[in-house]
Amino acid sequence: MQEQRIIHGRGMTRRDFLRTGTIGISSLAFVGSSYTISSNEDYDLVERIVTIPRLPEAFRGFSIGLLSDIHSSVFMNKEDMDAYVMAMNALSPDIIFVTGDFVNSKTSEVYPFVESFSQLKAPHGVWGVLGNHDYFADVETVSKEVDACGVKLLRNDAVTVAIGSSVINIVGVDDIGRGARASEYIGRALSSVTNAAPRILLCHKPYFMEDFSANAFDLVLSGHTHGGQIVFAKINDTYITPASLWSKYVWGLYRHNDTQLYVNRGLGSVGIPFRMNCPPELTKLTLA
């Protein structure tokens, strides 16, 4: 059974409120939901157990820290990012993944990001993939700086993580702009996987569930949707948000055949510097 726990982060200042826009109707808007969302905190820490049936014994209890959609900009400055980095480090995950949108639209926005995220640490490393907003800037400069700061980018590539003689595969793909490219990027990334160990995929956009399942990924980690960013209500498993018009994978854990997908709500905002009923999220997933 998968269990989820939501813990609320540091208290909001007036500036935080203007930036995150989490308003007092949260508890009412989410009536019928299994999630508990506070209306007066800056972020949620979501802790969840994820069961992978073929997980090696050595990886049982292995923890993953997940962040996404930072959108470094005037609305997400180094001080903001430092607080999130400190909070993630305090969770002491075994490995950390950052699933894209490091910057908002300008190449210069990568420099405060790398100053802050160079402090992100985990025993098995910090790994990431590019998001669509990273392509709005000079993507090669963004990639070079992000990789150099210690967030090692997987660009249609894969690595293995080992505990003793047991391994799992970490696969990462560049931002997939169109569905037709999903199989191409995934195929290129999987070309270096030569074992039958479990596969975890980092993919910025969560849209391609059938492709994920067809390639036998055990777990996929994504962002991009911001959890809707503006959420009017959640009724059972349905999010009342404009984001649901583009994707049925908005936030949380989904399953298709033997593949599970977790969509992180992200830290930043896009379009307008405002989030409603949708606080930023830090995630800690524990494998079982």
Protein backbone atom coordinates (compact mmCIF):
# COMPACT_ATOMS: atom_id res chain seq x y z
CA MET A 1 0.00 0.00 0.00
CA GLN A 2 1.22 3.49 -0.80
CA GLU A 3 1.03 6.00 2.01
CA GLN A 4 1.21 9.75 1.73
CA ARG A 5 1.94 12.35 4.35
CA ILE A 6 1.92 16.11 3.83
CA ILE A 7 3.87 18.33 6.20
CA HIS A 8 3.80 22.10 5.97
CA GLY A 9 6.93 24.19 5.62
CA ARG A 10 8.02 27.53 6.96
CA GLY A 11 5.43 30.19 7.77
CA MET A 12 4.60 32.76 5.14
CA THR A 13 5.76 36.33 5.21
CA ARG A 14 3.68 38.97 3.46
CA ARG A 15 6.12 38.74 0.52
CA ASP A 16 5.66 34.97 0.40
CA PHE A 17 1.91 35.42 0.31
CA LEU A 18 2.10 37.74 -2.67
CA ARG A 19 4.38 35.27 -4.45
CA THR A 20 2.59 31.99 -3.72
CA GLY A 21 -0.99 33.20 -3.41
CA THR A 22 -2.19 30.31 -1.26
CA ILE A 23 -5.54 31.53 0.01
CA GLY A 24 -7.84 30.74 2.88
CA ILE A 25 -10.43 28.68 0.98
CA SER A 26 -8.06 25.73 0.62
CA SER A 27 -9.66 23.54 3.25
CA LEU A 28 -13.10 24.16 1.76
CA ALA A 29 -12.05 23.76 -1.86
CA PHE A 30 -10.50 20.37 -1.19
CA VAL A 31 -13.50 18.83 0.59
CA GLY A 32 -13.65 15.15 -0.42
CA SER A 33 -9.90 14.98 -1.02
CA SER A 34 -7.56 12.63 0.79
CA TYR A 35 -4.97 15.39 0.96
CA THR A 36 -4.59 17.90 3.78
CA ILE A 37 -3.53 21.32 2.51
CA SER A 38 -2.71 24.16 4.86
CA SER A 39 -3.56 27.69 3.78
CA ASN A 40 -0.87 29.53 5.71
CA GLU A 41 2.43 27.91 4.78
CA ASP A 42 5.01 28.57 2.09
CA TYR A 43 5.35 25.01 0.82
CA ASP A 44 4.28 21.42 1.39
CA LEU A 45 6.62 18.55 2.01
CA VAL A 46 4.99 15.45 0.54
CA GLU A 47 6.34 12.14 1.80
CA ARG A 48 5.20 9.01 0.03
CA ILE A 49 6.05 5.31 -0.07
CA VAL A 50 6.22 3.94 -3.61
CA THR A 51 6.12 0.18 -4.10
CA ILE A 52 8.20 -1.28 -6.95
CA PRO A 53 7.56 -5.05 -7.02
CA ARG A 54 10.93 -5.98 -8.55
CA LEU A 55 13.00 -3.63 -6.41
CA PRO A 56 16.27 -5.24 -5.21
CA GLU A 57 16.42 -5.90 -1.48
CA ALA A 58 19.35 -3.49 -1.11
CA PHE A 59 17.20 -0.59 -2.35
CA ARG A 60 14.29 -1.12 0.01
CA GLY A 61 14.01 2.10 2.00
CA PHE A 62 16.06 4.03 -0.59
CA SER A 63 14.83 7.63 -0.56
CA ILE A 64 14.44 10.10 -3.42
CA GLY A 65 14.26 13.86 -3.03
CA LEU A 66 12.32 15.48 -5.88
CA LEU A 67 12.17 19.13 -6.93
CA SER A 68 10.88 20.64 -10.16
CA ASP A 69 10.04 23.87 -11.96
CA ILE A 70 12.22 26.27 -10.04
CA HIS A 71 11.86 29.10 -12.58
CA SER A 72 14.75 31.20 -11.30
CA SER A 73 13.70 34.82 -11.90
CA VAL A 74 12.84 38.04 -10.08
CA PHE A 75 9.99 36.06 -8.50
CA MET A 76 12.28 33.19 -7.43
CA ASN A 77 15.52 34.74 -6.23
CA LYS A 78 18.58 33.21 -4.61
CA GLU A 79 17.20 33.73 -1.09
CA ASP A 80 14.05 31.80 -2.02
CA MET A 81 16.05 29.01 -3.63
CA ASP A 82 18.46 28.81 -0.69
CA ALA A 83 15.53 28.10 1.64
CA TYR A 84 14.28 25.24 -0.55
CA VAL A 85 17.79 23.79 -0.91
CA MET A 86 18.26 23.88 2.86
CA ALA A 87 14.90 22.18 3.39
CA MET A 88 15.69 19.42 0.88
CA ASN A 89 19.13 18.81 2.37
CA ALA A 90 17.53 18.52 5.80
CA LEU A 91 15.48 15.55 4.53
CA SER A 92 18.73 13.63 3.88
CA PRO A 93 17.49 11.71 0.80
CA ASP A 94 19.76 9.09 -0.74
CA ILE A 95 19.50 10.74 -4.17
CA ILE A 96 17.97 13.99 -5.46
CA PHE A 97 16.29 14.63 -8.82
CA VAL A 98 15.44 18.02 -10.34
CA THR A 99 13.05 17.66 -13.27
CA GLY A 100 13.61 20.82 -15.28
CA ASP A 101 12.68 24.46 -15.75
CA PHE A 102 15.72 25.72 -13.89
CA VAL A 103 15.19 29.19 -15.41
CA ASN A 104 12.13 31.08 -16.53
CA SER A 105 13.17 32.57 -19.88
CA LYS A 106 16.52 34.38 -19.59
CA THR A 107 19.99 32.86 -19.75
CA SER A 108 21.19 35.16 -16.95
CA GLU A 109 18.68 33.53 -14.57
CA VAL A 110 20.84 30.41 -14.43
CA TYR A 111 23.53 32.12 -12.34
CA PRO A 112 21.56 32.63 -9.11
CA PHE A 113 20.19 29.12 -9.62
CA VAL A 114 23.63 27.53 -9.76
CA GLU A 115 24.86 29.55 -6.77
CA SER A 116 22.03 28.14 -4.70
CA PHE A 117 21.69 24.62 -6.07
CA SER A 118 25.43 23.97 -5.88
CA GLN A 119 24.72 23.43 -2.17
CA LEU A 120 22.27 20.57 -2.85
CA LYS A 121 23.83 17.30 -1.68
CA ALA A 122 22.94 13.59 -1.57
CA PRO A 123 25.08 10.43 -1.15
CA HIS A 124 24.14 9.06 -4.60
CA GLY A 125 24.25 12.43 -6.32
CA VAL A 126 21.96 15.11 -7.70
CA TRP A 127 20.62 14.48 -11.21
CA GLY A 128 18.37 16.49 -13.49
CA VAL A 129 16.78 16.93 -16.89
CA LEU A 130 15.91 19.99 -18.95
CA GLY A 131 12.44 21.53 -19.08
CA ASN A 132 10.74 23.53 -21.81
CA HIS A 133 11.56 26.90 -20.20
CA ASP A 134 15.26 26.06 -20.27
CA TYR A 135 14.92 26.11 -24.06
CA PHE A 136 13.51 29.65 -23.96
CA ALA A 137 17.02 30.72 -22.88
CA ASP A 138 20.35 29.69 -24.42
CA VAL A 139 19.90 26.04 -23.55
CA GLU A 140 23.54 25.08 -24.03
CA THR A 141 24.71 27.75 -21.58
CA VAL A 142 22.00 26.76 -19.11
CA SER A 143 22.97 23.09 -19.47
CA LYS A 144 26.68 23.78 -19.01
CA GLU A 145 26.16 25.89 -15.88
CA VAL A 146 23.62 23.53 -14.29
CA ASP A 147 25.82 20.51 -14.89
CA ALA A 148 28.89 22.29 -13.52
CA CYS A 149 27.10 23.25 -10.30
CA GLY A 150 26.56 19.60 -9.40
CA VAL A 151 23.11 18.91 -10.86
CA LYS A 152 24.28 16.30 -13.37
CA LEU A 153 22.08 16.45 -16.45
CA LEU A 154 20.87 13.35 -18.24
CA ARG A 155 20.25 14.36 -21.83
CA ASN A 156 18.74 11.29 -23.44
CA ASP A 157 21.11 9.21 -21.38
CA ALA A 158 21.17 6.80 -18.44
CA VAL A 159 23.30 5.93 -15.42
CA THR A 160 23.23 3.10 -12.92
CA VAL A 161 23.12 3.59 -9.16
CA ALA A 162 24.65 0.76 -7.17
CA ILE A 163 24.34 -0.48 -3.61
CA GLY A 164 26.73 -3.39 -3.29
CA SER A 165 26.10 -5.66 -6.25
CA SER A 166 22.52 -4.40 -6.79
CA VAL A 167 21.67 -1.63 -9.25
CA ILE A 168 18.81 0.49 -10.52
CA ASN A 169 18.78 2.47 -13.75
CA ILE A 170 18.24 6.24 -13.78
CA VAL A 171 17.18 7.41 -17.23
CA GLY A 172 16.73 11.03 -18.28
CA VAL A 173 15.35 12.69 -21.41
CA ASP A 174 15.48 16.24 -22.70
CA ASP A 175 12.22 18.16 -22.79
CA ILE A 176 9.87 16.49 -25.24
CA GLY A 177 8.11 19.17 -27.25
CA ARG A 178 5.80 16.89 -29.22
CA GLY A 179 4.40 13.43 -28.59
CA ALA A 180 6.03 12.09 -31.74
CA ARG A 181 9.44 12.68 -30.19
CA ALA A 182 8.79 10.78 -26.95
CA SER A 183 9.68 7.35 -28.31
CA GLU A 184 12.74 8.75 -30.10
CA TYR A 185 14.17 10.41 -26.96
CA ILE A 186 13.35 7.47 -24.71
CA GLY A 187 14.84 5.01 -27.19
CA ARG A 188 18.05 7.02 -27.37
CA ALA A 189 18.28 7.17 -23.58
CA LEU A 190 17.64 3.45 -23.18
CA SER A 191 20.31 2.48 -25.71
CA SER A 192 22.91 2.55 -22.93
CA VAL A 193 20.84 0.39 -20.53
CA THR A 194 22.19 -3.16 -20.73
CA ASN A 195 20.66 -4.77 -17.64
CA ALA A 196 17.19 -5.85 -16.49
CA ALA A 197 17.22 -3.83 -13.27
CA PRO A 198 14.36 -1.45 -12.38
CA ARG A 199 14.11 1.74 -14.43
CA ILE A 200 13.38 5.21 -13.09
CA LEU A 201 12.78 7.87 -15.74
CA LEU A 202 13.17 11.63 -15.34
CA CYS A 203 11.01 13.43 -17.89
CA HIS A 204 9.93 17.05 -17.45
CA LYS A 205 6.50 16.63 -19.03
CA PRO A 206 4.15 13.89 -17.77
CA TYR A 207 2.02 13.65 -20.91
CA PHE A 208 3.47 10.46 -22.39
CA MET A 209 2.21 7.74 -20.06
CA GLU A 210 1.66 5.16 -22.81
CA ASP A 211 5.25 5.62 -24.02
CA PHE A 212 6.52 5.32 -20.44
CA SER A 213 4.59 2.10 -19.94
CA ALA A 214 5.58 0.63 -23.32
CA ASN A 215 9.23 1.01 -22.34
CA ALA A 216 8.76 -0.80 -19.02
CA PHE A 217 9.63 2.06 -16.68
CA ASP A 218 8.88 1.19 -13.09
CA LEU A 219 8.66 4.82 -11.96
CA VAL A 220 8.56 8.11 -13.86
CA LEU A 221 9.18 11.47 -12.17
CA SER A 222 7.89 14.66 -13.79
CA GLY A 223 6.82 18.23 -13.15
CA HIS A 224 5.77 20.89 -15.67
CA THR A 225 2.11 21.24 -14.63
CA HIS A 226 2.82 23.18 -11.41
CA GLY A 227 0.02 21.08 -9.95
CA GLY A 228 -2.29 23.37 -11.89
CA GLN A 229 -0.87 26.50 -10.19
CA ILE A 230 -4.40 27.93 -10.10
CA VAL A 231 -6.66 25.25 -8.62
CA PHE A 232 -10.31 26.03 -7.98
CA ALA A 233 -11.13 22.70 -6.32
CA LYS A 234 -10.27 19.00 -6.14
CA ILE A 235 -13.15 16.56 -6.21
CA ASN A 236 -12.07 12.96 -5.63
CA ASP A 237 -9.26 12.52 -8.18
CA THR A 238 -10.32 15.39 -10.44
CA TYR A 239 -8.57 18.76 -10.30
CA ILE A 240 -10.64 21.76 -11.29
CA THR A 241 -7.87 23.76 -12.92
CA PRO A 242 -7.08 25.10 -16.40
CA ALA A 243 -4.05 22.75 -16.47
CA SER A 244 -6.37 19.73 -16.68
CA LEU A 245 -7.32 20.85 -20.20
CA TRP A 246 -3.78 19.94 -21.35
CA SER A 247 -3.02 16.96 -19.13
CA LYS A 248 -4.90 14.47 -16.99
CA TYR A 249 -1.67 14.07 -15.03
CA VAL A 250 -1.70 17.20 -12.88
CA TRP A 251 -0.29 16.27 -9.50
CA GLY A 252 0.43 13.15 -7.49
CA LEU A 253 0.81 9.45 -8.24
CA TYR A 254 -0.68 7.74 -11.30
CA ARG A 255 -0.46 4.21 -12.68
CA HIS A 256 -0.69 2.66 -16.14
CA ASN A 257 -0.12 -1.10 -16.24
CA ASP A 258 3.13 -1.65 -14.29
CA THR A 259 4.37 1.94 -14.64
CA GLN A 260 3.87 4.54 -11.93
CA LEU A 261 4.17 8.28 -12.56
CA TYR A 262 4.66 10.93 -9.90
CA VAL A 263 4.01 14.56 -10.88
CA ASN A 264 5.54 17.18 -8.59
CA ARG A 265 3.80 20.57 -8.18
CA GLY A 266 7.07 22.46 -8.56
CA LEU A 267 8.44 25.45 -6.67
CA GLY A 268 8.00 28.40 -8.99
CA SER A 269 5.21 29.92 -11.02
CA VAL A 270 4.78 30.85 -14.65
CA GLY A 271 2.65 33.44 -16.42
CA ILE A 272 1.72 35.24 -13.21
CA PRO A 273 3.66 35.04 -9.91
CA PHE A 274 0.70 33.52 -8.12
CA ARG A 275 -0.45 30.09 -6.94
CA MET A 276 -3.95 29.38 -5.64
CA ASN A 277 -4.82 26.27 -3.58
CA CYS A 278 -1.56 24.82 -4.85
CA PRO A 279 1.48 25.46 -2.61
CA PRO A 280 4.99 24.74 -3.88
CA GLU A 281 6.13 21.19 -3.19
CA LEU A 282 9.19 19.34 -1.96
CA THR A 283 8.82 15.58 -2.32
CA LYS A 284 10.48 12.67 -0.55
CA LEU A 285 9.68 9.26 -2.05
CA THR A 286 10.75 6.09 -0.27
CA LEU A 287 11.04 2.91 -2.33
CA ALA A 288 9.52 -0.31 -0.99
